[in-house]
């Protein structure tokens, strides 16, 4: 479903179509920008002291944010107009999966920044949570779940 967006000067009747993929991309960019604003100063301060740990921390934050965003996109469902007050609520399983994956990625990032191989354990747990969320998501069979530009070619080959 494409949305119309008016563009142009007064007196012109120029419309541009905004697709759902563009809307999802804009929402993702807004979330990632907000996360960068919050965690950016900490990563920069850490980079002064330990550049490798700062890089690992930045990758961990980005991975946790991407996983949480994907889980929310996978569990996105269209609500009826009669349920207007509850339209923006998420399923409980999505909330728990998002929290568990974020905590697991945080643990993996912290252990990786400390240069220990034990980071693989919470990393594997996080991958299992994200994979499980993708498997049970209601949008998995729907063609509008997540744009291919976000997921990449691997998901299109898997389906």
Foldseek 3Di string as FASTA:
>chain_A
DWDWDADDDPPDGDIDIHDPQNVLVVVLVVQVVVLCVVCVVVLVVVCVVPVVLSVLLVVLSVVLSLLLSLLQLLQQDQDDPVPVVCNPDTDPLSVVLSVLLNVLSVQLSVVVSVVDPVSVVSVVVSVVSSVVSLVPGPCVPPPVRHDCVSVDCVVVVVD
